[in-house]
Protein backbone atom coordinates (compact mmCIF):
# COMPACT_ATOMS: atom_id res chain seq x y z
CA MET A 1 156.15 1.30 -64.22
CA GLN A 2 155.20 -2.37 -64.24
CA LEU A 3 152.22 -3.86 -66.04
CA SER A 4 150.53 -6.73 -64.27
CA ARG A 5 150.09 -9.87 -66.37
CA ARG A 6 146.42 -9.99 -65.37
CA LEU A 7 145.74 -6.50 -66.68
CA LEU A 8 147.73 -7.16 -69.82
CA LEU A 9 145.79 -10.28 -70.64
CA ASN A 10 142.47 -8.65 -69.81
CA GLY A 11 143.27 -5.78 -72.15
CA ALA A 12 144.21 -8.09 -75.00
CA LEU A 13 141.07 -10.16 -74.41
CA ALA A 14 138.84 -7.10 -74.48
CA THR A 15 140.31 -6.05 -77.81
CA SER A 16 139.87 -9.52 -79.26
CA LEU A 17 136.28 -9.93 -78.09
CA ALA A 18 135.41 -6.51 -79.41
CA PHE A 19 135.62 -7.78 -82.99
CA THR A 20 133.19 -10.63 -82.45
CA GLY A 21 130.65 -10.45 -85.24
CA LEU A 22 132.18 -7.38 -86.87
CA GLY A 23 132.03 -7.30 -90.61
CA ARG A 24 130.54 -10.68 -91.30
CA ARG A 25 129.28 -9.13 -94.52
CA ALA A 26 129.21 -5.67 -95.98
CA ASP A 27 126.91 -6.22 -98.94
CA ALA A 28 125.08 -2.90 -98.85
CA ALA A 29 126.68 -0.14 -100.88
CA VAL A 30 128.09 2.79 -98.93
CA ARG A 31 126.23 5.93 -99.92
CA ALA A 32 125.29 9.21 -98.29
CA GLU A 33 121.76 10.40 -97.59
CA PRO A 34 120.89 13.63 -99.37
CA THR A 35 121.76 16.54 -97.11
CA ARG A 36 122.93 20.10 -97.45
CA ASP A 37 125.84 19.30 -95.14
CA PRO A 38 127.05 15.82 -96.00
CA GLY A 39 129.88 16.00 -93.47
CA TYR A 40 127.31 15.70 -90.70
CA ARG A 41 125.31 12.69 -91.83
CA SER A 42 125.81 9.42 -93.59
CA GLU A 43 123.85 6.25 -94.06
CA ILE A 44 123.10 5.84 -90.36
CA GLN A 45 122.51 8.48 -87.76
CA GLY A 46 125.10 7.21 -85.27
CA TYR A 47 125.28 9.41 -82.20
CA GLY A 48 123.37 12.20 -83.92
CA PRO A 49 124.37 15.52 -85.51
CA LEU A 50 127.70 17.05 -84.68
CA GLN A 51 127.50 20.13 -82.49
CA PRO A 52 129.34 23.44 -83.01
CA ASP A 53 132.52 23.72 -80.94
CA PRO A 54 132.93 27.13 -79.25
CA LYS A 55 136.70 26.57 -79.40
CA GLY A 56 136.55 26.00 -83.16
CA PHE A 57 138.50 22.75 -83.09
CA ILE A 58 136.61 19.45 -82.82
CA GLU A 59 132.89 18.94 -83.37
CA LEU A 60 131.26 16.01 -81.55
CA PRO A 61 127.74 14.70 -80.94
CA VAL A 62 125.68 15.86 -77.97
CA GLY A 63 127.03 14.60 -74.65
CA PHE A 64 130.62 14.10 -75.81
CA SER A 65 133.57 16.25 -74.83
CA TYR A 66 137.31 16.34 -75.48
CA ARG A 67 140.54 17.29 -73.76
CA LEU A 68 143.77 18.21 -75.52
CA PHE A 69 147.12 17.26 -74.01
CA SER A 70 150.80 16.55 -74.75
CA ALA A 71 151.13 19.15 -77.50
CA VAL A 72 154.22 19.69 -79.62
CA GLY A 73 156.79 21.74 -77.74
CA ASP A 74 155.46 20.96 -74.25
CA THR A 75 158.14 20.01 -71.74
CA MET A 76 157.90 16.33 -70.84
CA SER A 77 158.66 14.59 -67.55
CA ASP A 78 162.21 13.79 -68.72
CA GLY A 79 162.94 17.44 -69.51
CA LEU A 80 162.75 16.91 -73.27
CA LEU A 81 160.14 18.43 -75.58
CA VAL A 82 157.09 16.74 -77.07
CA PRO A 83 158.01 16.06 -80.73
CA GLY A 84 155.56 17.07 -83.44
CA LEU A 85 153.62 15.22 -86.12
CA HIS A 86 151.80 12.84 -83.76
CA ASP A 87 150.73 9.72 -85.66
CA GLY A 88 150.06 6.04 -84.84
CA MET A 89 149.32 5.17 -81.22
CA SER A 90 148.01 2.40 -79.00
CA ALA A 91 146.63 2.23 -75.47
CA PHE A 92 147.87 -0.36 -72.97
CA PRO A 93 146.67 -1.33 -69.47
CA HIS A 94 148.53 0.12 -66.48
CA ALA A 95 149.03 -1.62 -63.14
CA ASP A 96 146.70 1.05 -61.72
CA ALA A 97 143.29 0.44 -63.29
CA ASP A 98 142.56 4.18 -63.25
CA LYS A 99 145.44 4.78 -65.65
CA VAL A 100 146.34 3.88 -69.20
CA VAL A 101 149.68 3.84 -71.03
CA LEU A 102 149.85 5.36 -74.52
CA VAL A 103 152.76 4.79 -76.87
CA ARG A 104 152.69 7.34 -79.69
CA ASN A 105 154.60 7.71 -82.97
CA HIS A 106 156.02 10.92 -84.40
CA GLU A 107 156.23 11.00 -88.20
CA ILE A 108 159.23 13.33 -88.48
CA LYS A 109 161.47 12.88 -91.53
CA HIS A 110 165.21 13.33 -91.45
CA THR A 111 164.84 16.63 -93.32
CA VAL A 112 162.35 18.15 -90.86
CA TYR A 113 163.79 20.35 -88.13
CA GLY A 114 162.48 22.46 -85.29
CA ILE A 115 159.83 20.08 -83.92
CA GLY A 116 162.04 17.40 -82.39
CA PRO A 117 162.48 16.42 -78.74
CA LEU A 118 165.84 18.21 -78.32
CA GLY A 119 164.73 21.72 -79.28
CA GLU A 120 165.36 23.84 -82.36
CA THR A 121 169.04 24.29 -81.50
CA TYR A 122 169.47 20.78 -80.02
CA HIS A 123 170.28 22.39 -76.69
CA LEU A 124 168.79 19.39 -74.85
CA LEU A 125 171.13 16.83 -76.45
CA ASP A 126 173.11 16.42 -73.22
CA LYS A 127 169.99 15.04 -71.55
CA VAL A 128 170.06 12.02 -73.88
CA ASP A 129 172.36 9.00 -73.95
CA ARG A 130 173.81 9.26 -77.47
CA SER A 131 174.16 5.47 -77.65
CA ARG A 132 170.36 5.29 -77.62
CA ILE A 133 169.91 7.56 -80.62
CA TYR A 134 169.44 5.30 -83.63
CA ASP A 135 170.75 7.62 -86.34
CA PHE A 136 172.08 11.07 -87.23
CA ASP A 137 171.87 13.20 -90.36
CA LYS A 138 174.86 14.14 -92.51
CA GLY A 139 175.47 17.17 -90.28
CA GLY A 140 175.64 15.05 -87.13
CA LYS A 141 172.20 16.05 -85.83
CA PRO A 142 170.05 13.29 -84.31
CA LEU A 143 167.01 12.32 -86.33
CA SER A 144 163.81 13.38 -84.58
CA GLY A 145 161.41 10.55 -85.46
CA GLY A 146 160.48 8.03 -82.80
CA THR A 147 157.98 7.49 -80.00
CA THR A 148 156.84 9.02 -76.75
CA THR A 149 155.21 7.12 -73.88
CA LEU A 150 152.43 8.70 -71.85
CA VAL A 151 150.55 7.81 -68.69
CA TYR A 152 147.02 9.20 -68.63
CA ASN A 153 144.52 8.95 -65.77
CA ILE A 154 141.16 8.02 -67.28
CA LYS A 155 139.38 8.69 -63.99
CA THR A 156 140.60 12.26 -63.53
CA GLN A 157 141.12 12.77 -67.29
CA GLN A 158 144.58 14.19 -66.69
CA LEU A 159 147.99 13.49 -68.20
CA GLU A 160 150.31 12.27 -65.43
CA SER A 161 153.60 11.81 -67.26
CA HIS A 162 155.15 11.60 -70.71
CA HIS A 163 158.67 10.85 -71.88
CA LEU A 164 160.73 10.07 -74.97
CA SER A 165 160.98 6.30 -75.54
CA LEU A 166 162.52 5.90 -79.05
CA THR A 167 164.53 8.46 -81.00
CA GLY A 168 166.83 8.79 -83.99
CA THR A 169 164.46 6.99 -86.35
CA SER A 170 162.64 8.54 -89.31
CA THR A 171 159.06 8.98 -90.45
CA ASN A 172 157.49 6.82 -87.73
CA CYS A 173 154.02 6.65 -89.18
CA ALA A 174 151.89 3.90 -87.67
CA GLY A 175 152.58 0.51 -86.13
CA GLY A 176 150.66 -1.81 -83.85
CA SER A 177 150.50 -3.37 -80.43
CA THR A 178 151.70 -6.86 -79.48
CA PRO A 179 149.80 -9.33 -77.28
CA TRP A 180 152.62 -9.04 -74.73
CA GLY A 181 152.24 -5.28 -74.24
CA SER A 182 154.68 -3.55 -76.55
CA TRP A 183 154.32 -1.15 -79.48
CA LEU A 184 155.81 -1.87 -82.89
CA SER A 185 156.83 1.47 -84.41
CA CYS A 186 157.11 1.51 -88.20
CA GLU A 187 159.31 3.70 -90.38
CA GLU A 188 157.49 4.81 -93.51
CA THR A 189 160.64 5.47 -95.48
CA THR A 190 163.43 3.60 -97.25
CA GLN A 191 166.12 6.23 -96.78
CA THR A 192 169.54 4.68 -97.32
CA ALA A 193 172.82 5.23 -95.53
CA GLY A 194 174.82 7.98 -97.19
CA ASP A 195 171.75 9.77 -98.53
CA GLY A 196 171.55 12.38 -95.81
CA VAL A 197 171.67 9.83 -92.99
CA GLU A 198 174.22 7.42 -91.54
CA LYS A 199 172.11 4.23 -91.47
CA ASP A 200 169.48 2.51 -93.58
CA HIS A 201 165.84 3.07 -92.64
CA GLY A 202 162.53 1.35 -93.37
CA TYR A 203 162.36 -0.94 -90.35
CA VAL A 204 160.17 -1.86 -87.40
CA PHE A 205 161.26 -1.08 -83.82
CA GLU A 206 159.74 -2.59 -80.67
CA VAL A 207 158.98 -0.30 -77.71
CA PRO A 208 157.82 -2.02 -74.47
CA SER A 209 154.94 0.02 -73.07
CA GLY A 210 156.26 -0.31 -69.51
CA HIS A 211 159.81 0.85 -70.28
CA LYS A 212 161.02 4.02 -68.57
CA GLY A 213 163.28 6.25 -70.58
CA LEU A 214 164.79 5.61 -73.99
CA ILE A 215 164.95 2.06 -75.30
CA GLU A 216 168.00 0.69 -77.07
CA PRO A 217 166.90 0.99 -80.72
CA GLN A 218 167.17 -2.33 -82.53
CA PRO A 219 165.54 -2.68 -85.96
CA ILE A 220 163.76 -5.98 -86.60
CA LYS A 221 165.40 -6.49 -89.97
CA ALA A 222 163.80 -9.86 -90.73
CA MET A 223 160.42 -8.09 -90.91
CA GLY A 224 161.60 -6.43 -94.10
CA ARG A 225 162.77 -3.05 -95.23
CA PHE A 226 160.02 -1.15 -97.03
CA ASN A 227 157.63 1.76 -96.47
CA HIS A 228 156.15 0.22 -93.35
CA GLU A 229 152.80 1.62 -92.32
CA ALA A 230 151.07 -0.52 -89.72
CA VAL A 231 151.24 -3.90 -88.00
CA ALA A 232 148.77 -6.35 -86.45
CA ILE A 233 149.45 -9.67 -84.73
CA ASP A 234 147.10 -12.64 -84.60
CA PRO A 235 147.10 -13.59 -80.89
CA ARG A 236 146.23 -17.19 -81.79
CA THR A 237 149.18 -17.87 -84.06
CA GLY A 238 151.60 -15.01 -83.36
CA ILE A 239 151.76 -14.26 -87.10
CA VAL A 240 152.45 -10.60 -87.90
CA TYR A 241 150.60 -8.79 -90.72
CA MET A 242 151.89 -5.54 -92.24
CA THR A 243 150.71 -2.87 -94.65
CA GLU A 244 152.79 -0.81 -97.09
CA ASP A 245 151.87 2.79 -97.88
CA MET A 246 152.56 2.76 -101.61
CA SER A 247 150.17 2.98 -104.54
CA ASP A 248 151.48 -0.41 -105.70
CA GLY A 249 152.11 -1.83 -102.24
CA ALA A 250 151.97 -5.45 -101.14
CA PHE A 251 150.29 -6.91 -98.07
CA TYR A 252 152.81 -8.82 -95.97
CA ARG A 253 152.95 -11.38 -93.22
CA TYR A 254 155.88 -12.36 -91.03
CA LEU A 255 156.14 -15.88 -89.62
CA PRO A 256 158.40 -15.43 -86.59
CA ALA A 257 160.67 -18.22 -85.46
CA ASP A 258 159.78 -17.24 -81.89
CA THR A 259 156.34 -15.71 -81.45
CA ARG A 260 157.45 -13.82 -78.35
CA ASP A 261 160.73 -12.51 -79.74
CA LEU A 262 160.43 -11.04 -83.22
CA HIS A 263 164.16 -10.34 -83.37
CA LYS A 264 164.94 -14.06 -83.69
CA GLY A 265 164.10 -14.09 -87.37
CA GLY A 266 161.39 -15.60 -89.48
CA ARG A 267 159.90 -15.76 -92.98
CA LEU A 268 158.52 -12.73 -94.81
CA GLN A 269 155.74 -13.36 -97.32
CA ALA A 270 153.31 -11.42 -99.53
CA LEU A 271 149.64 -12.13 -100.18
CA MET A 272 148.55 -13.45 -103.54
CA ILE A 273 144.93 -13.90 -104.61
CA ARG A 274 145.11 -17.57 -105.47
CA ASP A 275 143.07 -17.54 -108.68
CA VAL A 276 144.00 -14.03 -109.85
CA PRO A 277 147.80 -13.67 -109.94
CA ARG A 278 149.06 -10.07 -109.87
CA ALA A 279 145.62 -8.82 -108.95
CA ALA A 280 144.96 -5.08 -108.78
CA THR A 281 142.63 -4.79 -105.79
CA SER A 282 141.76 -1.10 -106.09
CA ASN A 283 139.08 -1.45 -108.84
CA LYS A 284 140.43 1.79 -110.36
CA TYR A 285 141.29 0.61 -113.84
CA SER A 286 139.49 -2.72 -113.97
CA LYS A 287 136.83 -4.17 -111.74
CA LEU A 288 138.26 -7.03 -109.69
CA TRP A 289 135.50 -7.43 -107.13
CA ARG A 290 132.37 -5.99 -105.61
CA GLN A 291 131.85 -4.99 -102.01
CA GLY A 292 131.35 -8.09 -99.87
CA GLN A 293 133.12 -10.40 -102.33
CA SER A 294 136.09 -12.45 -101.14
CA PHE A 295 138.86 -14.53 -102.67
CA ALA A 296 141.03 -17.38 -101.44
CA VAL A 297 144.69 -16.47 -101.00
CA ARG A 298 148.08 -18.03 -100.85
CA TRP A 299 151.32 -16.57 -99.53
CA ILE A 300 154.58 -16.06 -101.46
CA ASP A 301 158.00 -16.30 -99.82
CA LEU A 302 160.23 -13.25 -100.30
CA LYS A 303 164.01 -13.14 -100.52
CA ASP A 304 166.57 -10.46 -99.69
CA VAL A 305 164.09 -8.90 -97.29
CA GLU A 306 166.39 -6.02 -96.33
CA SER A 307 165.84 -4.85 -99.90
CA PRO A 308 168.63 -2.30 -100.46
CA ASP A 309 166.91 -1.08 -103.63
CA ASP A 310 163.38 -0.98 -102.12
CA SER A 311 162.21 -3.73 -104.45
CA LEU A 312 160.23 -6.02 -102.14
CA ARG A 313 156.83 -5.06 -103.54
CA THR A 314 158.12 -5.50 -107.11
CA GLN A 315 159.60 -8.89 -106.25
CA ALA A 316 156.26 -9.86 -104.71
CA TYR A 317 154.23 -8.67 -107.70
CA LEU A 318 156.38 -10.48 -110.26
CA ALA A 319 155.84 -13.66 -108.24
CA GLY A 320 152.06 -13.16 -108.38
CA ALA A 321 151.26 -11.05 -105.31
CA ALA A 322 148.31 -8.68 -105.27
CA ARG A 323 148.72 -4.91 -105.26
CA PHE A 324 146.95 -2.70 -102.74
CA SER A 325 146.52 1.04 -103.12
CA ARG A 326 148.26 2.62 -100.12
CA GLY A 327 147.77 0.07 -97.37
CA GLU A 328 147.58 1.92 -94.06
CA GLY A 329 145.80 1.23 -90.74
CA ILE A 330 145.35 -2.37 -89.63
CA HIS A 331 143.78 -4.01 -86.58
CA PHE A 332 143.32 -7.65 -85.61
CA GLY A 333 140.20 -8.90 -83.86
CA ASP A 334 138.39 -12.13 -83.16
CA GLY A 335 139.77 -14.39 -85.87
CA GLU A 336 139.93 -11.68 -88.55
CA LEU A 337 141.71 -8.44 -89.35
CA TYR A 338 140.83 -5.21 -91.14
CA PHE A 339 143.07 -2.84 -93.01
CA ALA A 340 142.62 0.38 -94.94
CA CYS A 341 143.67 1.13 -98.49
CA THR A 342 143.66 4.89 -98.39
CA SER A 343 143.37 5.65 -102.10
CA GLY A 344 141.72 2.43 -103.22
CA GLY A 345 138.38 2.18 -104.94
CA GLU A 346 136.99 3.04 -108.35
CA LYS A 347 136.80 6.69 -107.31
CA ALA A 348 139.98 6.52 -105.18
CA PHE A 349 138.07 7.55 -102.02
CA GLY A 350 139.34 4.54 -100.07
CA GLN A 351 138.66 0.91 -99.25
CA LEU A 352 138.54 -1.26 -96.14
CA MET A 353 139.70 -4.87 -96.48
CA ARG A 354 138.89 -7.84 -94.27
CA TYR A 355 141.19 -10.86 -94.01
CA VAL A 356 140.17 -14.13 -92.36
CA PRO A 357 143.17 -16.41 -91.79
CA SER A 358 143.12 -20.09 -92.61
CA PRO A 359 142.48 -22.40 -89.64
CA TYR A 360 145.91 -23.74 -90.59
CA GLU A 361 147.48 -20.31 -91.14
CA GLY A 362 151.23 -20.43 -91.51
CA THR A 363 151.41 -24.22 -91.76
CA ASP A 364 151.84 -26.66 -94.62
CA ARG A 365 148.10 -27.41 -94.46
CA GLU A 366 146.76 -23.91 -95.11
CA GLY A 367 146.18 -24.76 -98.75
CA ASP A 368 143.43 -27.17 -97.62
CA ALA A 369 141.39 -24.22 -96.28
CA PRO A 370 142.97 -21.00 -97.56
CA GLY A 371 142.68 -17.63 -95.90
CA GLN A 372 140.10 -15.27 -97.42
CA ILE A 373 140.51 -11.62 -98.42
CA GLU A 374 137.30 -9.58 -98.69
CA LEU A 375 136.48 -6.12 -99.98
CA PHE A 376 134.61 -5.03 -96.85
CA VAL A 377 133.87 -1.40 -97.79
CA GLU A 378 134.55 0.68 -100.88
CA SER A 379 133.58 4.33 -100.62
CA SER A 380 131.79 5.90 -103.57
CA ASP A 381 131.12 9.19 -101.79
CA LEU A 382 133.83 11.27 -100.15
CA SER A 383 131.27 12.78 -97.77
CA VAL A 384 130.77 9.30 -96.30
CA LEU A 385 134.33 7.96 -96.15
CA ASP A 386 137.37 9.65 -97.64
CA TYR A 387 140.97 8.43 -97.43
CA ALA A 388 140.65 5.93 -94.58
CA ASP A 389 143.89 5.67 -92.61
CA ASN A 390 144.52 4.55 -89.01
CA LEU A 391 141.71 2.46 -87.56
CA THR A 392 140.76 0.65 -84.38
CA VAL A 393 137.83 -1.20 -82.90
CA ALA A 394 135.61 -0.17 -80.03
CA PRO A 395 134.79 -2.71 -77.30
CA TRP A 396 131.25 -2.89 -78.73
CA GLY A 397 132.44 -4.02 -82.15
CA HIS A 398 132.52 -0.97 -84.42
CA LEU A 399 135.48 0.19 -86.43
CA TYR A 400 136.58 3.77 -85.77
CA VAL A 401 138.43 5.07 -88.82
CA CYS A 402 140.62 8.15 -89.25
CA GLU A 403 140.55 10.21 -92.44
CA ASP A 404 143.71 11.86 -93.78
CA ARG A 405 142.70 13.86 -96.84
CA TYR A 406 144.55 17.17 -96.90
CA SER A 407 142.41 19.77 -98.64
CA ASP A 408 141.60 23.46 -98.32
CA ILE A 409 137.89 22.75 -98.64
CA LEU A 410 137.38 19.35 -96.99
CA TYR A 411 137.50 18.54 -93.29
CA ASN A 412 138.80 15.28 -91.87
CA HIS A 413 136.53 13.08 -89.78
CA LEU A 414 136.51 10.13 -87.46
CA ARG A 415 134.05 7.67 -89.00
CA ILE A 416 132.26 4.69 -87.50
CA VAL A 417 131.79 1.52 -89.56
CA THR A 418 129.15 -0.91 -88.32
CA PRO A 419 129.16 -4.72 -88.67
CA ASP A 420 127.13 -4.52 -91.89
CA GLY A 421 129.48 -2.00 -93.48
CA LYS A 422 127.46 1.17 -92.93
CA VAL A 423 129.33 4.37 -92.18
CA SER A 424 128.52 7.14 -89.72
CA THR A 425 130.33 10.32 -88.75
CA PHE A 426 131.52 10.59 -85.15
CA ALA A 427 133.82 13.62 -85.08
CA ARG A 428 135.16 16.36 -87.31
CA ASN A 429 138.29 18.46 -87.05
CA ILE A 430 137.35 22.00 -88.09
CA GLU A 431 140.60 23.74 -87.07
CA GLY A 432 142.02 25.71 -89.97
CA GLN A 433 144.98 23.45 -90.77
CA HIS A 434 142.63 20.68 -92.02
CA SER A 435 144.87 18.11 -90.37
CA GLU A 436 144.43 14.38 -90.54
CA TRP A 437 143.30 12.32 -87.58
CA ALA A 438 145.71 9.58 -86.53
CA GLY A 439 146.42 7.01 -83.83
CA VAL A 440 142.83 6.31 -82.85
CA THR A 441 142.68 3.87 -79.92
CA PHE A 442 140.39 3.09 -76.99
CA SER A 443 141.36 2.74 -73.36
CA PRO A 444 141.11 -0.93 -72.30
CA ASP A 445 137.88 -0.21 -70.37
CA GLY A 446 136.29 1.53 -73.37
CA SER A 447 135.63 4.77 -71.50
CA THR A 448 137.98 7.02 -73.46
CA LEU A 449 138.84 7.33 -77.12
CA PHE A 450 142.31 8.72 -77.78
CA ALA A 451 143.45 10.13 -81.11
CA ASN A 452 145.99 12.53 -82.56
CA ILE A 453 145.59 15.62 -84.71
CA GLN A 454 148.79 15.38 -86.67
CA THR A 455 149.55 18.80 -88.11
CA ASN A 456 148.58 20.52 -84.88
CA GLY A 457 150.73 18.06 -82.94
CA VAL A 458 148.32 17.30 -80.12
CA THR A 459 146.60 14.28 -78.57
CA VAL A 460 142.89 14.31 -77.74
CA ALA A 461 140.89 12.28 -75.20
CA ILE A 462 137.17 11.97 -75.96
CA THR A 463 134.58 10.82 -73.42
CA GLY A 464 130.81 10.58 -73.51
CA PRO A 465 127.75 8.34 -73.64
CA TRP A 466 129.23 5.56 -75.78
CA LYS A 467 126.57 2.99 -74.81
CA SER A 468 123.68 5.10 -76.10
CA PHE A 469 124.55 4.09 -79.66
CA SER A 470 126.58 0.91 -79.25
CA THR A 471 123.87 -1.04 -77.44
CA GLN A 472 121.26 -0.10 -80.05
CA VAL A 473 123.25 -1.59 -82.91
CA ILE A 474 125.12 -4.58 -81.49
């Protein structure tokens, strides 16, 4: 499958333009309206009340519908099985405008068996080139984390093909797309060689969206070894921004030597709030900032980025870097990016951050006009926004945010966040496993929202009257 350059550029442009005007300020506090069922309503009505689902799975507003596809255990086009624990994902243009390419992560640890692409007994191992399996466990079994690549027809709403594209990695949580049409798959682990596996883990792997079959797995070691969560690239500068899913995590950027080849090395840095060294951004134990407030930043160079003892965030903090409470989903837009801190906030219900790069970002002049980090949203009500995780932007400029709270009494939702920081509920997973949503992404034409239900191991395509709400607000 070949992606045309025209389609690729158009897709990247649509994503960039979609952020225009998003989140200029978020001064109003996030709070729920009184209601007997707070999961259905928030500060704005959005697309209206969620409707009961006869199938007992996903509740959506009137006029919207969903299709489930590529479920764990299904046989793929290459004869292998769909791995479980679907997580981060991105949609890419296809040479045929009626189709879209999805590259999807599978967050399978090295100790999890039975839901990998080779079957419970690894009877499909002969179908795979062993040289393209990144790593094996101490018993010689291939690790099951990695990615699958799917082709979905958005006109017929049918899956046309899916195949394994990266394997032998571990705990592939989220990642991010590149402006040149590839997916950066992140390992959310720092497992070391000899501790149940043969190689070190905690790296980023690049998967071209147009590649057929398994890629040759090559970790981008200069991007650091830590609990990688997600990645976003500024298309203007080529600078890469990364989150770390730890309660004391740093926020990183990578200055590549070659902005079209991340393997050629670069500088890894951590964000510091310029006037508040070692800042705790979560507001949990001391109040750093209010919603809508921003600070100037500077960036700290890091050493020994392969971090054999998983000490990058500690090194960063001791040098003055800020701490973020479980940095997760991240997405870059028109001159700014947003990322989630899943357990941030005074009540630990989650935060959304906004970062505006310096006009001189990554150069010796950025101190003249520093980048700005803003507390865009802090949830004070778990019925409005709870444990924000993966996020994306719709072509009309709203953030769509996944929740990942695992609870026997709470359901997980897809939330909408408007340009002024108000939150609305778009969808709710009512299936009994209370699984998190993950991998939310829009098709390049904006007609279909794709997402994953992780525990169930299935991908969902949602269609409906998007414009009925988007045009009223933007």
